[in-house]
Amino acid sequence: MEFTAGGRLEVRITPSDVGKRVSVRRRAEAGSEAGKFTDAVGVLTSWDEGVLLITRRTGETVRIPESSLVAGKVVPTAPARRRGLPAASFEELARVSARSWQPVESAPLGDWVLRAASGFTRRANSVLPLGDPGMPLDEALIRARSWYADRGLPAYVQTATGAEGTQEALCAGLEEHGWEREVTAELRVAGLAAIGDLDADMERVRLDRSVDGSWLRRYQRSTVPGPHVLKVLSSGPSVWFATVPGESDVPAAIGRCVVDGRWAGFMAVEVDPAYRRQGLATAVMAALARRALDEGASAAWLQVETDNGGAVALYDGMGFAVHHLYHHFRYSRSS
């Protein structure tokens, strides 16, 4: 990481760079080994009263005293994209993914959308803050908390970091107002044709337009099935469900795909532990991808939690690359 000009370390950022992606070097905290430095890269979300806040790609906020800075510079907002991956903005993918997993109930708050589905998944029970709520942040968050409290639900806000146009500043603002990041996931993209061309035995994969009780028995998130679960799962422009029958009335593997214009989104890909390492997840993905290709889609996306090592490895092998990270913040401050 190069900070020098003519061999000298320089701080080449100022408070006017708030909102830009920066790289800084600072002296280590008191008590650390003398002469040690630490680096931080992220969006400069504030610079007030001698303290910088830098929000990293992971959503973590780092507080840096201005007096500890030894170097700093503005860096490009996004790394170069690998060849062959579909180009897309954060907002396009945020709206596509939202259409694939719609709530039972929603309400506008300026350009934000409050979403609820009786608590079934955070995605369907969180604020989608794409734009301006039309009021100061503290007031918007109070209204959101009240809306969810009226429904007996915890208040969540879904945010994103790590790409051009994402919401590092909002993440920092949520933390300042008593919200804590509860879970982080990756939104990944890939070329759809490569998924359809995967070497897999698809003869056992059955595709249907609707979900049945057998499919739901395999789906781990539907522990308490009800109309709200079916409503969310069936939502989207063009929805397909994949099933690989097992030896009982519970499928060996399942999956879900939503086709929306050029995009095909993959969700709920699950395999019975007794059937793992047999290529069933690959078969489900490939069968759904071929159906999406038939409907005119050309790009693929999916979401995977960062701590799901098995799924991350699977999608790495299929050619999926991280576009951005998204997070769910939950209000936690005591009243």
C-alpha atoms as a PDB file:
ATOM      1  CA  MET A   1       0.000   0.000   0.000  1.00  0.00           C
ATOM      2  CA  GLU A   2       1.810   3.091  -1.266  1.00  0.00           C
ATOM      3  CA  PHE A   3       1.356   6.384   0.582  1.00  0.00           C
ATOM      4  CA  THR A   4       4.597   8.170  -0.202  1.00  0.00           C
ATOM      5  CA  ALA A   5       5.373  11.161  -2.381  1.00  0.00           C
ATOM      6  CA  GLY A   6       9.074  11.729  -2.908  1.00  0.00           C
ATOM      7  CA  GLY A   7       9.815   9.170  -0.204  1.00  0.00           C
ATOM      8  CA  ARG A   8       7.669  10.910   2.470  1.00  0.00           C
ATOM      9  CA  LEU A   9       4.464   9.700   4.079  1.00  0.00           C
ATOM     10  CA  GLU A  10       1.655  12.151   3.402  1.00  0.00           C
ATOM     11  CA  VAL A  11      -1.921  12.633   4.569  1.00  0.00           C
ATOM     12  CA  ARG A  12      -3.676  13.547   1.341  1.00  0.00           C
ATOM     13  CA  ILE A  13      -7.260  13.449   2.622  1.00  0.00           C
ATOM     14  CA  THR A  14      -9.357  16.152   4.289  1.00  0.00           C
ATOM     15  CA  PRO A  15     -12.893  16.409   5.731  1.00  0.00           C
ATOM     16  CA  SER A  16     -14.053  17.313   2.214  1.00  0.00           C
ATOM     17  CA  ASP A  17     -13.407  13.668   1.232  1.00  0.00           C
ATOM     18  CA  VAL A  18     -16.224  12.325   3.431  1.00  0.00           C
ATOM     19  CA  GLY A  19     -18.205   9.834   1.341  1.00  0.00           C
ATOM     20  CA  LYS A  20     -15.172   8.690  -0.665  1.00  0.00           C
ATOM     21  CA  ARG A  21     -13.269   5.422  -0.389  1.00  0.00           C
ATOM     22  CA  VAL A  22      -9.944   6.015   1.336  1.00  0.00           C
ATOM     23  CA  SER A  23      -6.874   4.165   2.542  1.00  0.00           C
ATOM     24  CA  VAL A  24      -5.167   5.392   5.717  1.00  0.00           C
ATOM     25  CA  ARG A  25      -2.216   4.463   7.888  1.00  0.00           C
ATOM     26  CA  ARG A  26      -2.131   5.353  11.557  1.00  0.00           C
ATOM     27  CA  ARG A  27       0.094   4.843  14.540  1.00  0.00           C
ATOM     28  CA  ALA A  28      -0.818   1.825  16.628  1.00  0.00           C
ATOM     29  CA  GLU A  29      -2.734   2.387  19.842  1.00  0.00           C
ATOM     30  CA  ALA A  30      -0.944   3.234  23.058  1.00  0.00           C
ATOM     31  CA  GLY A  31       0.635   0.168  24.598  1.00  0.00           C
ATOM     32  CA  SER A  32       1.440  -1.383  21.223  1.00  0.00           C
ATOM     33  CA  GLU A  33       4.995  -1.919  20.063  1.00  0.00           C
ATOM     34  CA  ALA A  34       6.701   1.400  19.292  1.00  0.00           C
ATOM     35  CA  GLY A  35       6.966   2.265  15.618  1.00  0.00           C
ATOM     36  CA  LYS A  36       4.076   0.002  14.616  1.00  0.00           C
ATOM     37  CA  PHE A  37       1.388   1.174  12.173  1.00  0.00           C
ATOM     38  CA  THR A  38      -1.997  -0.172  11.164  1.00  0.00           C
ATOM     39  CA  ASP A  39      -3.870   0.367   7.901  1.00  0.00           C
ATOM     40  CA  ALA A  40      -7.576   0.745   7.141  1.00  0.00           C
ATOM     41  CA  VAL A  41      -9.434   0.856   3.822  1.00  0.00           C
ATOM     42  CA  GLY A  42     -13.081   1.829   3.487  1.00  0.00           C
ATOM     43  CA  VAL A  43     -15.506   4.681   3.040  1.00  0.00           C
ATOM     44  CA  LEU A  44     -14.797   7.819   5.061  1.00  0.00           C
ATOM     45  CA  THR A  45     -18.226   8.212   6.646  1.00  0.00           C
ATOM     46  CA  SER A  46     -17.448  11.165   8.929  1.00  0.00           C
ATOM     47  CA  TRP A  47     -14.664  13.451  10.160  1.00  0.00           C
ATOM     48  CA  ASP A  48     -15.861  15.370  13.193  1.00  0.00           C
ATOM     49  CA  GLU A  49     -14.150  16.795  16.270  1.00  0.00           C
ATOM     50  CA  GLY A  50     -10.819  15.249  15.380  1.00  0.00           C
ATOM     51  CA  VAL A  51     -12.136  11.697  14.834  1.00  0.00           C
ATOM     52  CA  LEU A  52     -12.483   9.882  11.505  1.00  0.00           C
ATOM     53  CA  LEU A  53     -15.003   7.089  10.980  1.00  0.00           C
ATOM     54  CA  ILE A  54     -14.097   4.621   8.239  1.00  0.00           C
ATOM     55  CA  THR A  55     -16.598   1.914   7.310  1.00  0.00           C
ATOM     56  CA  ARG A  56     -14.936  -1.151   5.858  1.00  0.00           C
ATOM     57  CA  ARG A  57     -16.307  -3.382   3.134  1.00  0.00           C
ATOM     58  CA  THR A  58     -17.447  -5.812   5.839  1.00  0.00           C
ATOM     59  CA  GLY A  59     -19.643  -3.134   7.444  1.00  0.00           C
ATOM     60  CA  GLU A  60     -17.310  -2.733  10.431  1.00  0.00           C
ATOM     61  CA  THR A  61     -16.750   0.884  11.495  1.00  0.00           C
ATOM     62  CA  VAL A  62     -13.252   1.962  12.584  1.00  0.00           C
ATOM     63  CA  ARG A  63     -12.748   5.088  14.725  1.00  0.00           C
ATOM     64  CA  ILE A  64      -9.429   6.838  14.075  1.00  0.00           C
ATOM     65  CA  PRO A  65      -8.154   9.890  15.982  1.00  0.00           C
ATOM     66  CA  GLU A  66      -6.932  12.475  13.514  1.00  0.00           C
ATOM     67  CA  SER A  67      -3.791  12.887  15.642  1.00  0.00           C
ATOM     68  CA  SER A  68      -2.770   9.266  14.910  1.00  0.00           C
ATOM     69  CA  LEU A  69      -2.801   9.647  11.111  1.00  0.00           C
ATOM     70  CA  VAL A  70       0.528   9.356   9.343  1.00  0.00           C
ATOM     71  CA  ALA A  71      -0.747   8.835   5.767  1.00  0.00           C
ATOM     72  CA  GLY A  72      -3.956   8.769   3.791  1.00  0.00           C
ATOM     73  CA  LYS A  73      -5.278   8.961   0.255  1.00  0.00           C
ATOM     74  CA  VAL A  74      -8.452   8.558  -1.801  1.00  0.00           C
ATOM     75  CA  VAL A  75      -8.611   5.243  -3.673  1.00  0.00           C
ATOM     76  CA  PRO A  76     -10.915   3.951  -6.454  1.00  0.00           C
ATOM     77  CA  THR A  77     -14.486   3.276  -5.350  1.00  0.00           C
ATOM     78  CA  ALA A  78     -14.569  -0.292  -6.639  1.00  0.00           C
ATOM     79  CA  PRO A  79     -11.993  -2.875  -7.742  1.00  0.00           C
ATOM     80  CA  ALA A  80     -11.755  -3.901 -11.372  1.00  0.00           C
ATOM     81  CA  ARG A  81     -14.399  -6.497 -12.244  1.00  0.00           C
ATOM     82  CA  ARG A  82     -13.339  -9.912 -13.450  1.00  0.00           C
ATOM     83  CA  ARG A  83     -13.991 -10.620 -17.119  1.00  0.00           C
ATOM     84  CA  GLY A  84     -17.114 -12.580 -17.958  1.00  0.00           C
ATOM     85  CA  LEU A  85     -19.207 -11.416 -14.994  1.00  0.00           C
ATOM     86  CA  PRO A  86     -22.407  -9.442 -15.569  1.00  0.00           C
ATOM     87  CA  ALA A  87     -22.084  -5.722 -14.909  1.00  0.00           C
ATOM     88  CA  ALA A  88     -24.677  -4.299 -12.534  1.00  0.00           C
ATOM     89  CA  SER A  89     -25.140  -1.475 -10.078  1.00  0.00           C
ATOM     90  CA  PHE A  90     -25.840  -2.040  -6.413  1.00  0.00           C
ATOM     91  CA  GLU A  91     -29.303  -0.487  -6.745  1.00  0.00           C
ATOM     92  CA  GLU A  92     -30.266  -2.726  -9.675  1.00  0.00           C
ATOM     93  CA  LEU A  93     -29.337  -5.843  -7.750  1.00  0.00           C
ATOM     94  CA  ALA A  94     -30.990  -4.592  -4.560  1.00  0.00           C
ATOM     95  CA  ARG A  95     -34.290  -4.073  -6.376  1.00  0.00           C
ATOM     96  CA  VAL A  96     -34.065  -7.374  -8.271  1.00  0.00           C
ATOM     97  CA  SER A  97     -33.356  -9.305  -5.075  1.00  0.00           C
ATOM     98  CA  ALA A  98     -36.207  -7.519  -3.274  1.00  0.00           C
ATOM     99  CA  ARG A  99     -38.675  -8.492  -6.012  1.00  0.00           C
ATOM    100  CA  SER A 100     -37.642 -12.127  -5.600  1.00  0.00           C
ATOM    101  CA  TRP A 101     -38.523 -12.256  -1.895  1.00  0.00           C
ATOM    102  CA  GLN A 102     -41.537 -10.058  -1.302  1.00  0.00           C
ATOM    103  CA  PRO A 103     -43.176  -9.428   2.074  1.00  0.00           C
ATOM    104  CA  VAL A 104     -46.786 -10.034   2.990  1.00  0.00           C
ATOM    105  CA  GLU A 105     -47.171  -6.412   4.052  1.00  0.00           C
ATOM    106  CA  SER A 106     -45.239  -3.250   3.188  1.00  0.00           C
ATOM    107  CA  ALA A 107     -45.432   0.497   3.725  1.00  0.00           C
ATOM    108  CA  PRO A 108     -43.445   3.411   2.276  1.00  0.00           C
ATOM    109  CA  LEU A 109     -41.365   5.753   4.395  1.00  0.00           C
ATOM    110  CA  GLY A 110     -40.189   8.272   1.836  1.00  0.00           C
ATOM    111  CA  ASP A 111     -38.020   6.190  -0.507  1.00  0.00           C
ATOM    112  CA  TRP A 112     -37.617   3.494   2.136  1.00  0.00           C
ATOM    113  CA  VAL A 113     -39.865   0.428   2.254  1.00  0.00           C
ATOM    114  CA  LEU A 114     -40.958  -1.157   5.541  1.00  0.00           C
ATOM    115  CA  ARG A 115     -41.521  -4.894   5.013  1.00  0.00           C
ATOM    116  CA  ALA A 116     -43.156  -7.550   7.181  1.00  0.00           C
ATOM    117  CA  ALA A 117     -44.106 -11.218   6.815  1.00  0.00           C
ATOM    118  CA  SER A 118     -44.940 -12.428  10.324  1.00  0.00           C
ATOM    119  CA  GLY A 119     -41.237 -12.817  11.098  1.00  0.00           C
ATOM    120  CA  PHE A 120     -40.415 -15.278   8.283  1.00  0.00           C
ATOM    121  CA  THR A 121     -36.801 -14.382   7.361  1.00  0.00           C
ATOM    122  CA  ARG A 122     -35.018 -11.093   7.956  1.00  0.00           C
ATOM    123  CA  ARG A 123     -35.195 -10.198   4.266  1.00  0.00           C
ATOM    124  CA  ALA A 124     -38.990 -10.074   4.345  1.00  0.00           C
ATOM    125  CA  ASN A 125     -39.090  -8.371   7.765  1.00  0.00           C
ATOM    126  CA  SER A 126     -36.688  -5.465   7.428  1.00  0.00           C
ATOM    127  CA  VAL A 127     -36.473  -1.933   6.121  1.00  0.00           C
ATOM    128  CA  LEU A 128     -35.223  -1.635   2.539  1.00  0.00           C
ATOM    129  CA  PRO A 129     -33.613   1.848   2.577  1.00  0.00           C
ATOM    130  CA  LEU A 130     -33.054   2.656  -1.100  1.00  0.00           C
ATOM    131  CA  GLY A 131     -33.086   6.446  -1.157  1.00  0.00           C
ATOM    132  CA  ASP A 132     -34.152   9.222   1.184  1.00  0.00           C
ATOM    133  CA  PRO A 133     -36.742   8.562   3.924  1.00  0.00           C
ATOM    134  CA  GLY A 134     -37.852  12.198   3.618  1.00  0.00           C
ATOM    135  CA  MET A 135     -36.896  13.089   7.196  1.00  0.00           C
ATOM    136  CA  PRO A 136     -33.832  13.058   9.447  1.00  0.00           C
ATOM    137  CA  LEU A 137     -32.359   9.627  10.082  1.00  0.00           C
ATOM    138  CA  ASP A 138     -33.190   9.565  13.784  1.00  0.00           C
ATOM    139  CA  GLU A 139     -36.865  10.310  13.082  1.00  0.00           C
ATOM    140  CA  ALA A 140     -37.030   7.708  10.298  1.00  0.00           C
ATOM    141  CA  LEU A 141     -35.583   5.049  12.583  1.00  0.00           C
ATOM    142  CA  ILE A 142     -38.069   5.892  15.359  1.00  0.00           C
ATOM    143  CA  ARG A 143     -40.940   5.500  12.893  1.00  0.00           C
ATOM    144  CA  ALA A 144     -39.531   2.200  11.655  1.00  0.00           C
ATOM    145  CA  ARG A 145     -39.176   0.862  15.185  1.00  0.00           C
ATOM    146  CA  SER A 146     -42.772   1.847  15.959  1.00  0.00           C
ATOM    147  CA  TRP A 147     -44.070   0.171  12.778  1.00  0.00           C
ATOM    148  CA  TYR A 148     -42.396  -3.126  13.644  1.00  0.00           C
ATOM    149  CA  ALA A 149     -43.373  -2.905  17.306  1.00  0.00           C
ATOM    150  CA  ASP A 150     -47.038  -2.579  16.249  1.00  0.00           C
ATOM    151  CA  ARG A 151     -46.613  -5.977  14.553  1.00  0.00           C
ATOM    152  CA  GLY A 152     -44.779  -7.613  17.428  1.00  0.00           C
ATOM    153  CA  LEU A 153     -41.570  -7.847  15.398  1.00  0.00           C
ATOM    154  CA  PRO A 154     -37.983  -6.770  16.041  1.00  0.00           C
ATOM    155  CA  ALA A 155     -36.828  -3.823  13.953  1.00  0.00           C
ATOM    156  CA  TYR A 156     -34.261  -4.611  11.266  1.00  0.00           C
ATOM    157  CA  VAL A 157     -32.684  -2.467   8.555  1.00  0.00           C
ATOM    158  CA  GLN A 158     -31.040  -4.106   5.535  1.00  0.00           C
ATOM    159  CA  THR A 159     -27.939  -2.292   4.262  1.00  0.00           C
ATOM    160  CA  ALA A 160     -25.083  -2.959   1.836  1.00  0.00           C
ATOM    161  CA  THR A 161     -21.363  -2.233   1.669  1.00  0.00           C
ATOM    162  CA  GLY A 162     -18.420  -2.936  -0.583  1.00  0.00           C
ATOM    163  CA  ALA A 163     -19.437  -1.605  -4.006  1.00  0.00           C
ATOM    164  CA  GLU A 164     -19.985   1.716  -5.707  1.00  0.00           C
ATOM    165  CA  GLY A 165     -23.133   3.382  -4.407  1.00  0.00           C
ATOM    166  CA  THR A 166     -23.509   1.204  -1.308  1.00  0.00           C
ATOM    167  CA  GLN A 167     -24.498   2.363   2.159  1.00  0.00           C
ATOM    168  CA  GLU A 168     -21.433   2.663   4.362  1.00  0.00           C
ATOM    169  CA  ALA A 169     -22.605   6.021   5.692  1.00  0.00           C
ATOM    170  CA  LEU A 170     -25.984   4.547   6.653  1.00  0.00           C
ATOM    171  CA  CYS A 171     -24.251   1.663   8.459  1.00  0.00           C
ATOM    172  CA  ALA A 172     -22.265   4.152  10.530  1.00  0.00           C
ATOM    173  CA  GLY A 173     -25.425   6.151  11.249  1.00  0.00           C
ATOM    174  CA  LEU A 174     -27.277   3.046  12.417  1.00  0.00           C
ATOM    175  CA  GLU A 175     -24.483   2.186  14.847  1.00  0.00           C
ATOM    176  CA  GLU A 176     -24.564   5.715  16.250  1.00  0.00           C
ATOM    177  CA  HIS A 177     -28.298   5.334  16.885  1.00  0.00           C
ATOM    178  CA  GLY A 178     -28.014   2.048  18.777  1.00  0.00           C
ATOM    179  CA  TRP A 179     -28.387  -0.531  16.020  1.00  0.00           C
ATOM    180  CA  GLU A 180     -26.088  -3.570  15.852  1.00  0.00           C
ATOM    181  CA  ARG A 181     -25.082  -5.617  12.814  1.00  0.00           C
ATOM    182  CA  GLU A 182     -26.520  -9.091  13.409  1.00  0.00           C
ATOM    183  CA  VAL A 183     -25.650 -10.986  10.216  1.00  0.00           C
ATOM    184  CA  THR A 184     -23.682 -10.396   7.022  1.00  0.00           C
ATOM    185  CA  ALA A 185     -24.094 -12.114   3.661  1.00  0.00           C
ATOM    186  CA  GLU A 186     -22.576 -11.885   0.214  1.00  0.00           C
ATOM    187  CA  LEU A 187     -24.524 -11.068  -2.920  1.00  0.00           C
ATOM    188  CA  ARG A 188     -22.758 -12.918  -5.711  1.00  0.00           C
ATOM    189  CA  VAL A 189     -23.131 -12.782  -9.493  1.00  0.00           C
ATOM    190  CA  ALA A 190     -22.158 -15.039 -12.394  1.00  0.00           C
ATOM    191  CA  GLY A 191     -22.884 -15.644 -16.054  1.00  0.00           C
ATOM    192  CA  LEU A 192     -26.018 -17.804 -16.298  1.00  0.00           C
ATOM    193  CA  ALA A 193     -24.901 -19.922 -19.266  1.00  0.00           C
ATOM    194  CA  ALA A 194     -21.951 -21.263 -17.277  1.00  0.00           C
ATOM    195  CA  ILE A 195     -24.349 -22.469 -14.575  1.00  0.00           C
ATOM    196  CA  GLY A 196     -26.567 -24.189 -17.138  1.00  0.00           C
ATOM    197  CA  ASP A 197     -23.499 -25.903 -18.644  1.00  0.00           C
ATOM    198  CA  LEU A 198     -22.403 -27.479 -15.361  1.00  0.00           C
ATOM    199  CA  ASP A 199     -21.672 -31.192 -15.572  1.00  0.00           C
ATOM    200  CA  ALA A 200     -24.554 -32.648 -13.581  1.00  0.00           C
ATOM    201  CA  ASP A 201     -27.125 -35.438 -13.717  1.00  0.00           C
ATOM    202  CA  MET A 202     -30.408 -33.537 -14.007  1.00  0.00           C
ATOM    203  CA  GLU A 203     -32.695 -36.466 -14.795  1.00  0.00           C
ATOM    204  CA  ARG A 204     -33.983 -36.666 -11.216  1.00  0.00           C
ATOM    205  CA  VAL A 205     -34.661 -32.926 -10.890  1.00  0.00           C
ATOM    206  CA  ARG A 206     -38.347 -32.018 -11.130  1.00  0.00           C
ATOM    207  CA  LEU A 207     -39.324 -28.378 -11.800  1.00  0.00           C
ATOM    208  CA  ASP A 208     -42.681 -26.976 -10.697  1.00  0.00           C
ATOM    209  CA  ARG A 209     -44.379 -23.587 -10.585  1.00  0.00           C
ATOM    210  CA  SER A 210     -45.707 -24.079  -7.059  1.00  0.00           C
ATOM    211  CA  VAL A 211     -44.398 -25.387  -3.787  1.00  0.00           C
ATOM    212  CA  ASP A 212     -45.915 -28.399  -2.025  1.00  0.00           C
ATOM    213  CA  GLY A 213     -45.760 -29.876   1.456  1.00  0.00           C
ATOM    214  CA  SER A 214     -42.949 -32.239   0.547  1.00  0.00           C
ATOM    215  CA  TRP A 215     -40.712 -29.368  -0.616  1.00  0.00           C
ATOM    216  CA  LEU A 216     -41.480 -27.440   2.572  1.00  0.00           C
ATOM    217  CA  ARG A 217     -40.471 -30.399   4.736  1.00  0.00           C
ATOM    218  CA  ARG A 218     -36.959 -30.171   3.321  1.00  0.00           C
ATOM    219  CA  TYR A 219     -36.788 -26.368   3.565  1.00  0.00           C
ATOM    220  CA  GLN A 220     -35.043 -25.561   6.861  1.00  0.00           C
ATOM    221  CA  ARG A 221     -36.451 -22.054   7.264  1.00  0.00           C
ATOM    222  CA  SER A 222     -40.119 -23.112   7.237  1.00  0.00           C
ATOM    223  CA  THR A 223     -40.243 -24.682  10.700  1.00  0.00           C
ATOM    224  CA  VAL A 224     -43.729 -23.208  11.191  1.00  0.00           C
ATOM    225  CA  PRO A 225     -45.350 -23.305   7.718  1.00  0.00           C
ATOM    226  CA  GLY A 226     -48.249 -20.990   7.118  1.00  0.00           C
ATOM    227  CA  PRO A 227     -49.847 -18.739   4.513  1.00  0.00           C
ATOM    228  CA  HIS A 228     -47.163 -16.087   5.061  1.00  0.00           C
ATOM    229  CA  VAL A 229     -44.405 -18.581   4.168  1.00  0.00           C
ATOM    230  CA  LEU A 230     -46.165 -19.618   0.955  1.00  0.00           C
ATOM    231  CA  LYS A 231     -46.809 -15.968   0.100  1.00  0.00           C
ATOM    232  CA  VAL A 232     -43.116 -15.078   0.326  1.00  0.00           C
ATOM    233  CA  LEU A 233     -41.882 -18.194  -1.461  1.00  0.00           C
ATOM    234  CA  SER A 234     -44.357 -17.748  -4.324  1.00  0.00           C
ATOM    235  CA  SER A 235     -43.539 -14.068  -4.858  1.00  0.00           C
ATOM    236  CA  GLY A 236     -41.568 -12.837  -7.841  1.00  0.00           C
ATOM    237  CA  PRO A 237     -41.960 -12.274 -11.577  1.00  0.00           C
ATOM    238  CA  SER A 238     -41.375 -15.909 -12.658  1.00  0.00           C
ATOM    239  CA  VAL A 239     -40.845 -18.460  -9.893  1.00  0.00           C
ATOM    240  CA  TRP A 240     -39.602 -22.050 -10.247  1.00  0.00           C
ATOM    241  CA  PHE A 241     -39.139 -24.732  -7.602  1.00  0.00           C
ATOM    242  CA  ALA A 242     -36.771 -27.680  -8.012  1.00  0.00           C
ATOM    243  CA  THR A 243     -37.149 -31.010  -6.231  1.00  0.00           C
ATOM    244  CA  VAL A 244     -35.004 -34.147  -6.204  1.00  0.00           C
ATOM    245  CA  PRO A 245     -37.081 -36.961  -4.662  1.00  0.00           C
ATOM    246  CA  GLY A 246     -35.588 -38.971  -1.807  1.00  0.00           C
ATOM    247  CA  GLU A 247     -36.409 -42.353  -0.354  1.00  0.00           C
ATOM    248  CA  SER A 248     -39.093 -40.888   1.939  1.00  0.00           C
ATOM    249  CA  ASP A 249     -41.655 -38.124   1.616  1.00  0.00           C
ATOM    250  CA  VAL A 250     -38.872 -35.579   2.236  1.00  0.00           C
ATOM    251  CA  PRO A 251     -36.886 -34.617  -0.892  1.00  0.00           C
ATOM    252  CA  ALA A 252     -33.179 -35.314  -1.160  1.00  0.00           C
ATOM    253  CA  ALA A 253     -32.631 -31.785  -2.471  1.00  0.00           C
ATOM    254  CA  ILE A 254     -34.570 -28.642  -3.314  1.00  0.00           C
ATOM    255  CA  GLY A 255     -34.031 -25.209  -4.825  1.00  0.00           C
ATOM    256  CA  ARG A 256     -35.840 -22.065  -5.905  1.00  0.00           C
ATOM    257  CA  CYS A 257     -35.209 -19.689  -8.809  1.00  0.00           C
ATOM    258  CA  VAL A 258     -36.830 -16.368  -9.715  1.00  0.00           C
ATOM    259  CA  VAL A 259     -36.457 -15.094 -13.274  1.00  0.00           C
ATOM    260  CA  ASP A 260     -36.690 -11.318 -13.578  1.00  0.00           C
ATOM    261  CA  GLY A 261     -35.666  -9.881 -16.956  1.00  0.00           C
ATOM    262  CA  ARG A 262     -32.003 -10.684 -17.549  1.00  0.00           C
ATOM    263  CA  TRP A 263     -31.539 -11.951 -14.002  1.00  0.00           C
ATOM    264  CA  ALA A 264     -32.065 -15.381 -12.477  1.00  0.00           C
ATOM    265  CA  GLY A 265     -31.859 -15.468  -8.685  1.00  0.00           C
ATOM    266  CA  PHE A 266     -31.140 -18.741  -6.871  1.00  0.00           C
ATOM    267  CA  MET A 267     -32.408 -19.374  -3.342  1.00  0.00           C
ATOM    268  CA  ALA A 268     -33.234 -22.182  -0.897  1.00  0.00           C
ATOM    269  CA  VAL A 269     -30.787 -24.683  -2.408  1.00  0.00           C
ATOM    270  CA  GLU A 270     -30.667 -27.405   0.253  1.00  0.00           C
ATOM    271  CA  VAL A 271     -29.525 -31.031   0.285  1.00  0.00           C
ATOM    272  CA  ASP A 272     -30.332 -33.735   2.827  1.00  0.00           C
ATOM    273  CA  PRO A 273     -27.081 -34.474   4.729  1.00  0.00           C
ATOM    274  CA  ALA A 274     -27.471 -38.157   3.798  1.00  0.00           C
ATOM    275  CA  TYR A 275     -27.286 -37.250   0.091  1.00  0.00           C
ATOM    276  CA  ARG A 276     -24.418 -34.771   0.155  1.00  0.00           C
ATOM    277  CA  ARG A 277     -21.376 -35.093  -2.106  1.00  0.00           C
ATOM    278  CA  GLN A 278     -23.534 -36.662  -4.818  1.00  0.00           C
ATOM    279  CA  GLY A 279     -23.756 -33.533  -6.981  1.00  0.00           C
ATOM    280  CA  LEU A 280     -27.398 -32.822  -6.166  1.00  0.00           C
ATOM    281  CA  ALA A 281     -26.907 -29.108  -5.435  1.00  0.00           C
ATOM    282  CA  THR A 282     -25.105 -28.732  -8.770  1.00  0.00           C
ATOM    283  CA  ALA A 283     -27.893 -30.620 -10.545  1.00  0.00           C
ATOM    284  CA  VAL A 284     -30.557 -28.380  -8.984  1.00  0.00           C
ATOM    285  CA  MET A 285     -28.668 -25.214  -9.948  1.00  0.00           C
ATOM    286  CA  ALA A 286     -28.043 -26.399 -13.502  1.00  0.00           C
ATOM    287  CA  ALA A 287     -31.670 -27.452 -14.087  1.00  0.00           C
ATOM    288  CA  LEU A 288     -33.003 -24.145 -12.803  1.00  0.00           C
ATOM    289  CA  ALA A 289     -30.437 -22.214 -14.837  1.00  0.00           C
ATOM    290  CA  ARG A 290     -31.466 -23.955 -18.060  1.00  0.00           C
ATOM    291  CA  ARG A 291     -35.096 -23.094 -17.433  1.00  0.00           C
ATOM    292  CA  ALA A 292     -34.135 -19.457 -16.769  1.00  0.00           C
ATOM    293  CA  LEU A 293     -32.081 -19.393 -19.989  1.00  0.00           C
ATOM    294  CA  ASP A 294     -35.175 -20.612 -21.848  1.00  0.00           C
ATOM    295  CA  GLU A 295     -37.027 -17.565 -20.452  1.00  0.00           C
ATOM    296  CA  GLY A 296     -34.372 -15.173 -21.763  1.00  0.00           C
ATOM    297  CA  ALA A 297     -32.244 -14.597 -18.658  1.00  0.00           C
ATOM    298  CA  SER A 298     -28.480 -14.255 -19.056  1.00  0.00           C
ATOM    299  CA  ALA A 299     -27.115 -13.358 -15.595  1.00  0.00           C
ATOM    300  CA  ALA A 300     -27.258 -15.129 -12.242  1.00  0.00           C
ATOM    301  CA  TRP A 301     -27.238 -13.910  -8.658  1.00  0.00           C
ATOM    302  CA  LEU A 302     -27.545 -15.463  -5.238  1.00  0.00           C
ATOM    303  CA  GLN A 303     -27.025 -14.620  -1.577  1.00  0.00           C
ATOM    304  CA  VAL A 304     -24.956 -16.629   0.873  1.00  0.00           C
ATOM    305  CA  GLU A 305     -24.065 -15.891   4.488  1.00  0.00           C
ATOM    306  CA  THR A 306     -20.353 -15.293   4.947  1.00  0.00           C
ATOM    307  CA  ASP A 307     -19.966 -18.032   7.578  1.00  0.00           C
ATOM    308  CA  ASN A 308     -21.501 -20.771   5.378  1.00  0.00           C
ATOM    309  CA  GLY A 309     -18.189 -22.242   4.266  1.00  0.00           C
ATOM    310  CA  GLY A 310     -19.645 -25.183   2.347  1.00  0.00           C
ATOM    311  CA  ALA A 311     -21.945 -23.040   0.231  1.00  0.00           C
ATOM    312  CA  VAL A 312     -19.232 -20.431  -0.366  1.00  0.00           C
ATOM    313  CA  ALA A 313     -16.902 -23.142  -1.691  1.00  0.00           C
ATOM    314  CA  LEU A 314     -19.659 -24.556  -3.913  1.00  0.00           C
ATOM    315  CA  TYR A 315     -20.449 -21.184  -5.467  1.00  0.00           C
ATOM    316  CA  ASP A 316     -16.765 -20.354  -5.881  1.00  0.00           C
ATOM    317  CA  GLY A 317     -16.461 -23.486  -7.990  1.00  0.00           C
ATOM    318  CA  MET A 318     -19.428 -22.446 -10.128  1.00  0.00           C
ATOM    319  CA  GLY A 319     -17.825 -19.093 -10.947  1.00  0.00           C
ATOM    320  CA  PHE A 320     -19.890 -16.831  -8.700  1.00  0.00           C
ATOM    321  CA  ALA A 321     -18.007 -13.723  -7.505  1.00  0.00           C
ATOM    322  CA  VAL A 322     -18.908 -11.303  -4.726  1.00  0.00           C
ATOM    323  CA  HIS A 323     -20.573  -8.114  -5.962  1.00  0.00           C
ATOM    324  CA  HIS A 324     -21.244  -6.574  -2.547  1.00  0.00           C
ATOM    325  CA  LEU A 325     -22.012  -7.496   1.041  1.00  0.00           C
ATOM    326  CA  TYR A 326     -25.337  -6.926   2.713  1.00  0.00           C
ATOM    327  CA  HIS A 327     -26.139  -6.743   6.396  1.00  0.00           C
ATOM    328  CA  HIS A 328     -29.099  -6.761   8.733  1.00  0.00           C
ATOM    329  CA  PHE A 329     -28.922  -4.280  11.591  1.00  0.00           C
ATOM    330  CA  ARG A 330     -31.196  -4.793  14.595  1.00  0.00           C
ATOM    331  CA  TYR A 331     -32.150  -2.137  17.086  1.00  0.00           C
ATOM    332  CA  SER A 332     -30.614  -3.077  20.421  1.00  0.00           C
ATOM    333  CA  ARG A 333     -30.262  -0.001  22.593  1.00  0.00           C
ATOM    334  CA  SER A 334     -32.214  -0.165  25.854  1.00  0.00           C
ATOM    335  CA  SER A 335     -34.945   2.445  26.198  1.00  0.00           C
END
